[in-house]
PDB file of N, CA and C in Angstrom:
ATOM      1  N   MET A   1     -22.712  64.177 -10.143  1.00  0.00           N
ATOM      2  CA  MET A   1     -24.221  64.413 -10.392  1.00  0.00           C
ATOM      3  C   MET A   1     -24.292  66.080 -10.881  1.00  0.00           C
ATOM      4  N   PHE A   2     -23.292  66.654  -9.941  1.00  0.00           N
ATOM      5  CA  PHE A   2     -23.251  68.074  -9.812  1.00  0.00           C
ATOM      6  C   PHE A   2     -22.941  68.886 -11.505  1.00  0.00           C
ATOM      7  N   GLU A   3     -21.557  68.154 -11.627  1.00  0.00           N
ATOM      8  CA  GLU A   3     -21.284  68.522 -12.966  1.00  0.00           C
ATOM      9  C   GLU A   3     -22.031  68.071 -14.112  1.00  0.00           C
ATOM     10  N   ARG A   4     -22.871  67.252 -14.358  1.00  0.00           N
ATOM     11  CA  ARG A   4     -23.696  66.699 -15.304  1.00  0.00           C
ATOM     12  C   ARG A   4     -24.784  67.628 -15.421  1.00  0.00           C
ATOM     13  N   LYS A   5     -24.984  68.446 -14.331  1.00  0.00           N
ATOM     14  CA  LYS A   5     -26.298  69.667 -14.116  1.00  0.00           C
ATOM     15  C   LYS A   5     -25.476  70.931 -14.887  1.00  0.00           C
ATOM     16  N   GLY A   6     -23.935  71.036 -14.848  1.00  0.00           N
ATOM     17  CA  GLY A   6     -23.435  72.025 -15.355  1.00  0.00           C
ATOM     18  C   GLY A   6     -22.963  72.856 -14.126  1.00  0.00           C
ATOM     19  N   LEU A   7     -23.091  72.363 -12.995  1.00  0.00           N
ATOM     20  CA  LEU A   7     -22.318  72.885 -11.602  1.00  0.00           C
ATOM     21  C   LEU A   7     -20.944  72.291 -11.311  1.00  0.00           C
ATOM     22  N   GLN A   8     -19.964  73.432 -11.085  1.00  0.00           N
ATOM     23  CA  GLN A   8     -18.926  73.054 -10.958  1.00  0.00           C
ATOM     24  C   GLN A   8     -18.639  72.471  -9.399  1.00  0.00           C
ATOM     25  N   THR A   9     -17.547  71.744  -9.474  1.00  0.00           N
ATOM     26  CA  THR A   9     -17.076  71.003  -8.428  1.00  0.00           C
ATOM     27  C   THR A   9     -15.877  70.798  -8.017  1.00  0.00           C
ATOM     28  N   ALA A  10     -15.474  70.622  -6.861  1.00  0.00           N
ATOM     29  CA  ALA A  10     -14.272  70.370  -6.604  1.00  0.00           C
ATOM     30  C   ALA A  10     -14.230  69.145  -5.290  1.00  0.00           C
ATOM     31  N   THR A  11     -13.398  68.187  -5.586  1.00  0.00           N
ATOM     32  CA  THR A  11     -13.749  66.847  -4.447  1.00  0.00           C
ATOM     33  C   THR A  11     -12.563  66.881  -3.766  1.00  0.00           C
ATOM     34  N   ILE A  12     -12.377  66.461  -2.603  1.00  0.00           N
ATOM     35  CA  ILE A  12     -11.301  66.168  -1.960  1.00  0.00           C
ATOM     36  C   ILE A  12     -11.441  64.802  -1.286  1.00  0.00           C
ATOM     37  N   LEU A  13     -10.475  64.318  -1.229  1.00  0.00           N
ATOM     38  CA  LEU A  13     -10.409  62.437  -0.865  1.00  0.00           C
ATOM     39  C   LEU A  13      -8.948  62.531   0.330  1.00  0.00           C
ATOM     40  N   THR A  14      -9.230  61.790   1.099  1.00  0.00           N
ATOM     41  CA  THR A  14      -7.705  61.207   1.749  1.00  0.00           C
ATOM     42  C   THR A  14      -7.316  60.255   0.840  1.00  0.00           C
ATOM     43  N   ASP A  15      -5.843  60.278   0.861  1.00  0.00           N
ATOM     44  CA  ASP A  15      -5.108  59.350   0.241  1.00  0.00           C
ATOM     45  C   ASP A  15      -5.557  57.913   0.396  1.00  0.00           C
ATOM     46  N   THR A  16      -5.689  57.389   1.468  1.00  0.00           N
ATOM     47  CA  THR A  16      -6.547  56.153   1.293  1.00  0.00           C
ATOM     48  C   THR A  16      -7.595  55.525   0.537  1.00  0.00           C
ATOM     49  N   PHE A  17      -8.466  57.126  -0.002  1.00  0.00           N
ATOM     50  CA  PHE A  17      -9.504  56.288  -0.779  1.00  0.00           C
ATOM     51  C   PHE A  17      -9.245  56.976  -2.282  1.00  0.00           C
ATOM     52  N   ARG A  18      -8.126  57.360  -2.565  1.00  0.00           N
ATOM     53  CA  ARG A  18      -7.734  57.378  -4.200  1.00  0.00           C
ATOM     54  C   ARG A  18      -7.973  56.373  -5.001  1.00  0.00           C
ATOM     55  N   ARG A  19      -7.708  55.325  -4.572  1.00  0.00           N
ATOM     56  CA  ARG A  19      -8.005  54.152  -5.703  1.00  0.00           C
ATOM     57  C   ARG A  19      -9.517  53.946  -5.753  1.00  0.00           C
ATOM     58  N   PRO A  20     -10.449  53.777  -4.487  1.00  0.00           N
ATOM     59  CA  PRO A  20     -11.842  53.905  -4.602  1.00  0.00           C
ATOM     60  C   PRO A  20     -12.461  54.874  -5.559  1.00  0.00           C
ATOM     61  N   GLY A  21     -11.931  56.054  -5.341  1.00  0.00           N
ATOM     62  CA  GLY A  21     -12.164  57.490  -6.027  1.00  0.00           C
ATOM     63  C   GLY A  21     -11.854  57.364  -7.455  1.00  0.00           C
ATOM     64  N   ASP A  22     -10.983  56.879  -7.917  1.00  0.00           N
ATOM     65  CA  ASP A  22     -10.694  56.580  -9.261  1.00  0.00           C
ATOM     66  C   ASP A  22     -11.812  55.763  -9.845  1.00  0.00           C
ATOM     67  N   ALA A  23     -11.893  54.695  -9.206  1.00  0.00           N
ATOM     68  CA  ALA A  23     -12.801  53.420  -9.698  1.00  0.00           C
ATOM     69  C   ALA A  23     -14.371  54.348  -9.599  1.00  0.00           C
ATOM     70  N   MET A  24     -14.674  54.826  -8.902  1.00  0.00           N
ATOM     71  CA  MET A  24     -16.171  55.504  -8.953  1.00  0.00           C
ATOM     72  C   MET A  24     -16.119  56.376  -9.919  1.00  0.00           C
ATOM     73  N   ALA A  25     -15.207  57.167 -10.270  1.00  0.00           N
ATOM     74  CA  ALA A  25     -15.073  58.233 -11.378  1.00  0.00           C
ATOM     75  C   ALA A  25     -15.337  57.694 -12.769  1.00  0.00           C
ATOM     76  N   ARG A  26     -14.770  56.563 -12.942  1.00  0.00           N
ATOM     77  CA  ARG A  26     -14.543  55.442 -14.299  1.00  0.00           C
ATOM     78  C   ARG A  26     -16.008  55.294 -14.142  1.00  0.00           C
ATOM     79  N   VAL A  27     -16.747  54.616 -13.274  1.00  0.00           N
ATOM     80  CA  VAL A  27     -17.852  54.042 -13.323  1.00  0.00           C
ATOM     81  C   VAL A  27     -19.024  55.089 -13.659  1.00  0.00           C
ATOM     82  N   GLN A  28     -18.607  56.435 -13.403  1.00  0.00           N
ATOM     83  CA  GLN A  28     -19.647  57.265 -13.783  1.00  0.00           C
ATOM     84  C   GLN A  28     -19.568  58.166 -14.804  1.00  0.00           C
ATOM     85  N   GLY A  29     -18.218  57.498 -15.759  1.00  0.00           N
ATOM     86  CA  GLY A  29     -17.764  58.071 -16.906  1.00  0.00           C
ATOM     87  C   GLY A  29     -16.876  59.366 -16.891  1.00  0.00           C
ATOM     88  N   PHE A  30     -16.190  59.585 -15.949  1.00  0.00           N
ATOM     89  CA  PHE A  30     -15.217  60.771 -15.483  1.00  0.00           C
ATOM     90  C   PHE A  30     -13.905  59.765 -15.657  1.00  0.00           C
ATOM     91  N   THR A  31     -13.326  59.793 -16.744  1.00  0.00           N
ATOM     92  CA  THR A  31     -12.018  58.606 -16.689  1.00  0.00           C
ATOM     93  C   THR A  31     -10.817  59.730 -16.379  1.00  0.00           C
ATOM     94  N   ASP A  32     -10.901  61.016 -16.418  1.00  0.00           N
ATOM     95  CA  ASP A  32      -9.803  61.887 -16.175  1.00  0.00           C
ATOM     96  C   ASP A  32     -10.498  62.927 -15.033  1.00  0.00           C
ATOM     97  N   PHE A  33     -11.212  62.119 -14.164  1.00  0.00           N
ATOM     98  CA  PHE A  33     -11.672  63.063 -12.871  1.00  0.00           C
ATOM     99  C   PHE A  33     -10.521  63.520 -11.902  1.00  0.00           C
ATOM    100  N   ARG A  34     -10.487  64.682 -11.728  1.00  0.00           N
ATOM    101  CA  ARG A  34      -9.303  65.354 -10.883  1.00  0.00           C
ATOM    102  C   ARG A  34     -10.063  65.774  -9.562  1.00  0.00           C
ATOM    103  N   TYR A  35      -9.128  65.469  -8.611  1.00  0.00           N
ATOM    104  CA  TYR A  35      -9.657  65.783  -6.882  1.00  0.00           C
ATOM    105  C   TYR A  35      -8.402  65.995  -6.326  1.00  0.00           C
ATOM    106  N   ALA A  36      -8.552  66.817  -5.323  1.00  0.00           N
ATOM    107  CA  ALA A  36      -7.463  67.244  -4.296  1.00  0.00           C
ATOM    108  C   ALA A  36      -7.316  66.044  -3.372  1.00  0.00           C
ATOM    109  N   VAL A  37      -5.978  65.822  -2.889  1.00  0.00           N
ATOM    110  CA  VAL A  37      -5.990  64.619  -1.886  1.00  0.00           C
ATOM    111  C   VAL A  37      -5.252  65.489  -0.799  1.00  0.00           C
ATOM    112  N   MET A  38      -5.653  64.765   0.297  1.00  0.00           N
ATOM    113  CA  MET A  38      -5.151  65.402   1.664  1.00  0.00           C
ATOM    114  C   MET A  38      -4.821  63.786   2.442  1.00  0.00           C
ATOM    115  N   THR A  39      -3.811  64.043   3.226  1.00  0.00           N
ATOM    116  CA  THR A  39      -3.302  62.488   3.956  1.00  0.00           C
ATOM    117  C   THR A  39      -4.320  62.206   5.065  1.00  0.00           C
ATOM    118  N   HIS A  40      -4.343  61.067   5.072  1.00  0.00           N
ATOM    119  CA  HIS A  40      -5.434  60.266   5.948  1.00  0.00           C
ATOM    120  C   HIS A  40      -4.657  59.888   6.980  1.00  0.00           C
ATOM    121  N   PRO A  41      -5.291  59.943   8.378  1.00  0.00           N
ATOM    122  CA  PRO A  41      -6.694  60.089   8.742  1.00  0.00           C
ATOM    123  C   PRO A  41      -6.926  61.326   8.729  1.00  0.00           C
ATOM    124  N   ILE A  42      -8.499  61.699   8.853  1.00  0.00           N
ATOM    125  CA  ILE A  42      -8.769  63.098   9.407  1.00  0.00           C
ATOM    126  C   ILE A  42      -9.745  63.317  10.478  1.00  0.00           C
ATOM    127  N   SER A  43     -10.490  61.792  10.589  1.00  0.00           N
ATOM    128  CA  SER A  43     -11.101  61.845  11.746  1.00  0.00           C
ATOM    129  C   SER A  43     -10.892  61.884  13.015  1.00  0.00           C
ATOM    130  N   SER A  44      -9.757  61.931  13.289  1.00  0.00           N
ATOM    131  CA  SER A  44      -8.760  62.012  14.737  1.00  0.00           C
ATOM    132  C   SER A  44      -8.369  63.277  15.087  1.00  0.00           C
ATOM    133  N   LEU A  45      -8.467  64.089  13.918  1.00  0.00           N
ATOM    134  CA  LEU A  45      -7.764  65.493  13.886  1.00  0.00           C
ATOM    135  C   LEU A  45      -8.650  66.397  14.709  1.00  0.00           C
ATOM    136  N   ASP A  46      -8.064  67.403  15.219  1.00  0.00           N
ATOM    137  CA  ASP A  46      -8.778  68.715  16.048  1.00  0.00           C
ATOM    138  C   ASP A  46      -9.015  69.605  14.909  1.00  0.00           C
ATOM    139  N   PRO A  47      -9.862  70.719  15.172  1.00  0.00           N
ATOM    140  CA  PRO A  47     -10.586  71.691  14.320  1.00  0.00           C
ATOM    141  C   PRO A  47      -9.253  72.484  13.561  1.00  0.00           C
ATOM    142  N   GLU A  48      -8.163  72.574  14.377  1.00  0.00           N
ATOM    143  CA  GLU A  48      -7.013  73.329  14.015  1.00  0.00           C
ATOM    144  C   GLU A  48      -6.222  72.876  12.972  1.00  0.00           C
ATOM    145  N   GLN A  49      -6.296  71.200  13.291  1.00  0.00           N
ATOM    146  CA  GLN A  49      -5.469  70.443  12.444  1.00  0.00           C
ATOM    147  C   GLN A  49      -6.102  70.160  11.060  1.00  0.00           C
ATOM    148  N   ILE A  50      -7.469  70.002  11.124  1.00  0.00           N
ATOM    149  CA  ILE A  50      -8.173  70.062  10.033  1.00  0.00           C
ATOM    150  C   ILE A  50      -8.370  71.391   9.195  1.00  0.00           C
ATOM    151  N   ARG A  51      -8.118  72.663   9.952  1.00  0.00           N
ATOM    152  CA  ARG A  51      -7.890  73.911   9.006  1.00  0.00           C
ATOM    153  C   ARG A  51      -6.683  73.772   8.143  1.00  0.00           C
ATOM    154  N   ALA A  52      -5.704  73.393   9.127  1.00  0.00           N
ATOM    155  CA  ALA A  52      -4.516  73.271   8.161  1.00  0.00           C
ATOM    156  C   ALA A  52      -4.100  72.301   7.314  1.00  0.00           C
ATOM    157  N   ARG A  53      -5.091  71.026   7.117  1.00  0.00           N
ATOM    158  CA  ARG A  53      -5.053  70.440   5.943  1.00  0.00           C
ATOM    159  C   ARG A  53      -5.735  70.725   4.717  1.00  0.00           C
ATOM    160  N   ALA A  54      -7.071  71.451   5.569  1.00  0.00           N
ATOM    161  CA  ALA A  54      -8.132  72.361   4.278  1.00  0.00           C
ATOM    162  C   ALA A  54      -6.548  73.521   3.774  1.00  0.00           C
ATOM    163  N   HIS A  55      -6.093  74.023   4.272  1.00  0.00           N
ATOM    164  CA  HIS A  55      -5.200  74.730   3.844  1.00  0.00           C
ATOM    165  C   HIS A  55      -4.288  74.152   2.706  1.00  0.00           C
ATOM    166  N   GLU A  56      -3.849  73.201   3.157  1.00  0.00           N
ATOM    167  CA  GLU A  56      -2.796  72.565   2.386  1.00  0.00           C
ATOM    168  C   GLU A  56      -3.401  71.999   1.048  1.00  0.00           C
ATOM    169  N   ALA A  57      -4.870  71.541   0.949  1.00  0.00           N
ATOM    170  CA  ALA A  57      -5.672  71.319  -0.326  1.00  0.00           C
ATOM    171  C   ALA A  57      -6.185  72.330  -1.159  1.00  0.00           C
ATOM    172  N   LEU A  58      -6.198  73.716  -0.640  1.00  0.00           N
ATOM    173  CA  LEU A  58      -6.511  74.759  -1.167  1.00  0.00           C
ATOM    174  C   LEU A  58      -6.183  74.650  -2.619  1.00  0.00           C
ATOM    175  N   PRO A  59      -5.069  75.110  -2.908  1.00  0.00           N
ATOM    176  CA  PRO A  59      -4.049  75.029  -4.091  1.00  0.00           C
ATOM    177  C   PRO A  59      -4.738  74.565  -5.289  1.00  0.00           C
ATOM    178  N   GLU A  60      -4.956  72.968  -4.748  1.00  0.00           N
ATOM    179  CA  GLU A  60      -5.384  72.146  -5.700  1.00  0.00           C
ATOM    180  C   GLU A  60      -6.678  72.126  -5.958  1.00  0.00           C
ATOM    181  N   VAL A  61      -7.609  72.362  -4.913  1.00  0.00           N
ATOM    182  CA  VAL A  61      -9.003  73.017  -5.192  1.00  0.00           C
ATOM    183  C   VAL A  61      -9.241  74.019  -5.810  1.00  0.00           C
ATOM    184  N   LEU A  62      -8.516  75.143  -5.880  1.00  0.00           N
ATOM    185  CA  LEU A  62      -8.678  76.202  -6.860  1.00  0.00           C
ATOM    186  C   LEU A  62      -8.216  75.689  -8.107  1.00  0.00           C
ATOM    187  N   SER A  63      -7.269  75.215  -8.512  1.00  0.00           N
ATOM    188  CA  SER A  63      -6.800  74.876  -9.800  1.00  0.00           C
ATOM    189  C   SER A  63      -7.812  73.645 -10.366  1.00  0.00           C
ATOM    190  N   ILE A  64      -8.562  72.904  -9.797  1.00  0.00           N
ATOM    191  CA  ILE A  64      -9.440  72.278 -10.311  1.00  0.00           C
ATOM    192  C   ILE A  64     -11.026  72.866 -10.724  1.00  0.00           C
ATOM    193  N   LEU A  65     -11.165  73.787  -9.932  1.00  0.00           N
ATOM    194  CA  LEU A  65     -12.105  74.843 -10.127  1.00  0.00           C
ATOM    195  C   LEU A  65     -11.868  75.869 -11.621  1.00  0.00           C
ATOM    196  N   GLY A  66     -10.405  75.780 -11.738  1.00  0.00           N
ATOM    197  CA  GLY A  66     -10.076  76.902 -12.637  1.00  0.00           C
ATOM    198  C   GLY A  66      -9.700  78.193 -12.018  1.00  0.00           C
ATOM    199  N   LEU A  67      -9.505  78.475 -10.865  1.00  0.00           N
ATOM    200  CA  LEU A  67      -9.244  79.658 -10.231  1.00  0.00           C
ATOM    201  C   LEU A  67      -7.610  79.560  -9.871  1.00  0.00           C
ATOM    202  N   ASP A  68      -7.332  81.313  -9.890  1.00  0.00           N
ATOM    203  CA  ASP A  68      -5.946  81.280  -9.304  1.00  0.00           C
ATOM    204  C   ASP A  68      -5.857  81.062  -7.783  1.00  0.00           C
ATOM    205  N   GLN A  69      -4.918  81.655  -7.423  1.00  0.00           N
ATOM    206  CA  GLN A  69      -4.539  81.456  -6.196  1.00  0.00           C
ATOM    207  C   GLN A  69      -5.578  82.393  -5.075  1.00  0.00           C
ATOM    208  N   ASP A  70      -5.906  83.235  -5.675  1.00  0.00           N
ATOM    209  CA  ASP A  70      -6.569  84.461  -5.152  1.00  0.00           C
ATOM    210  C   ASP A  70      -8.038  84.090  -4.834  1.00  0.00           C
ATOM    211  N   GLY A  71      -8.579  83.217  -5.705  1.00  0.00           N
ATOM    212  CA  GLY A  71      -9.858  82.565  -6.077  1.00  0.00           C
ATOM    213  C   GLY A  71     -10.563  83.311  -7.248  1.00  0.00           C
ATOM    214  N   ARG A  72      -9.628  83.858  -8.152  1.00  0.00           N
ATOM    215  CA  ARG A  72     -10.097  84.605  -8.948  1.00  0.00           C
ATOM    216  C   ARG A  72      -9.958  83.907 -10.490  1.00  0.00           C
ATOM    217  N   GLU A  73     -10.944  83.904 -11.149  1.00  0.00           N
ATOM    218  CA  GLU A  73     -10.537  83.152 -12.736  1.00  0.00           C
ATOM    219  C   GLU A  73      -9.603  83.576 -13.494  1.00  0.00           C
ATOM    220  N   PRO A  74      -8.243  82.970 -14.015  1.00  0.00           N
ATOM    221  CA  PRO A  74      -7.111  83.433 -14.703  1.00  0.00           C
ATOM    222  C   PRO A  74      -7.988  84.408 -15.833  1.00  0.00           C
ATOM    223  N   ILE A  75      -7.127  85.059 -16.447  1.00  0.00           N
ATOM    224  CA  ILE A  75      -7.455  85.999 -17.519  1.00  0.00           C
ATOM    225  C   ILE A  75      -7.377  84.927 -18.636  1.00  0.00           C
ATOM    226  N   GLY A  76      -8.611  84.868 -19.758  1.00  0.00           N
ATOM    227  CA  GLY A  76      -8.167  84.000 -20.837  1.00  0.00           C
ATOM    228  C   GLY A  76      -8.809  82.501 -20.236  1.00  0.00           C
ATOM    229  N   ALA A  77      -9.372  82.426 -19.148  1.00  0.00           N
ATOM    230  CA  ALA A  77     -10.087  80.983 -18.949  1.00  0.00           C
ATOM    231  C   ALA A  77     -11.251  80.987 -19.410  1.00  0.00           C
ATOM    232  N   ALA A  78     -11.807  80.394 -20.415  1.00  0.00           N
ATOM    233  CA  ALA A  78     -12.990  80.198 -20.955  1.00  0.00           C
ATOM    234  C   ALA A  78     -13.971  79.410 -20.108  1.00  0.00           C
ATOM    235  N   ASP A  79     -13.163  78.011 -19.793  1.00  0.00           N
ATOM    236  CA  ASP A  79     -13.717  76.974 -19.191  1.00  0.00           C
ATOM    237  C   ASP A  79     -12.783  76.441 -18.002  1.00  0.00           C
ATOM    238  N   GLY A  80     -12.549  76.387 -17.200  1.00  0.00           N
ATOM    239  CA  GLY A  80     -11.700  76.280 -16.037  1.00  0.00           C
ATOM    240  C   GLY A  80     -11.950  74.925 -15.535  1.00  0.00           C
ATOM    241  N   TYR A  81     -12.886  74.295 -15.910  1.00  0.00           N
ATOM    242  CA  TYR A  81     -13.167  72.593 -15.266  1.00  0.00           C
ATOM    243  C   TYR A  81     -13.536  71.665 -16.458  1.00  0.00           C
ATOM    244  N   ARG A  82     -13.373  70.436 -16.605  1.00  0.00           N
ATOM    245  CA  ARG A  82     -13.552  69.556 -17.530  1.00  0.00           C
ATOM    246  C   ARG A  82     -14.730  68.556 -17.173  1.00  0.00           C
ATOM    247  N   ARG A  83     -15.719  68.545 -18.362  1.00  0.00           N
ATOM    248  CA  ARG A  83     -17.137  67.786 -18.002  1.00  0.00           C
ATOM    249  C   ARG A  83     -17.015  66.412 -18.774  1.00  0.00           C
ATOM    250  N   ALA A  84     -17.591  65.195 -17.978  1.00  0.00           N
ATOM    251  CA  ALA A  84     -17.685  64.143 -19.012  1.00  0.00           C
ATOM    252  C   ALA A  84     -18.850  64.222 -19.841  1.00  0.00           C
TER     253      ALA A  84
END
């Protein structure tokens, strides 16, 4: 919904929800939707473990957003994300 309104987003799923995530994206018309994936489960993790998982997912999140590893838009990148 945010991307349809022109707001860039990055979604993070746990690996268990990859198939439902793909199905939901297709239903919404995003056949090539990209998202970051982290290992399931996360509900039983302590704050430090969650922080570590987020750190692991960060490169993919930045890539989805069209940003380099420092969080800056790469030179020459006109539109770093795809819209349906």
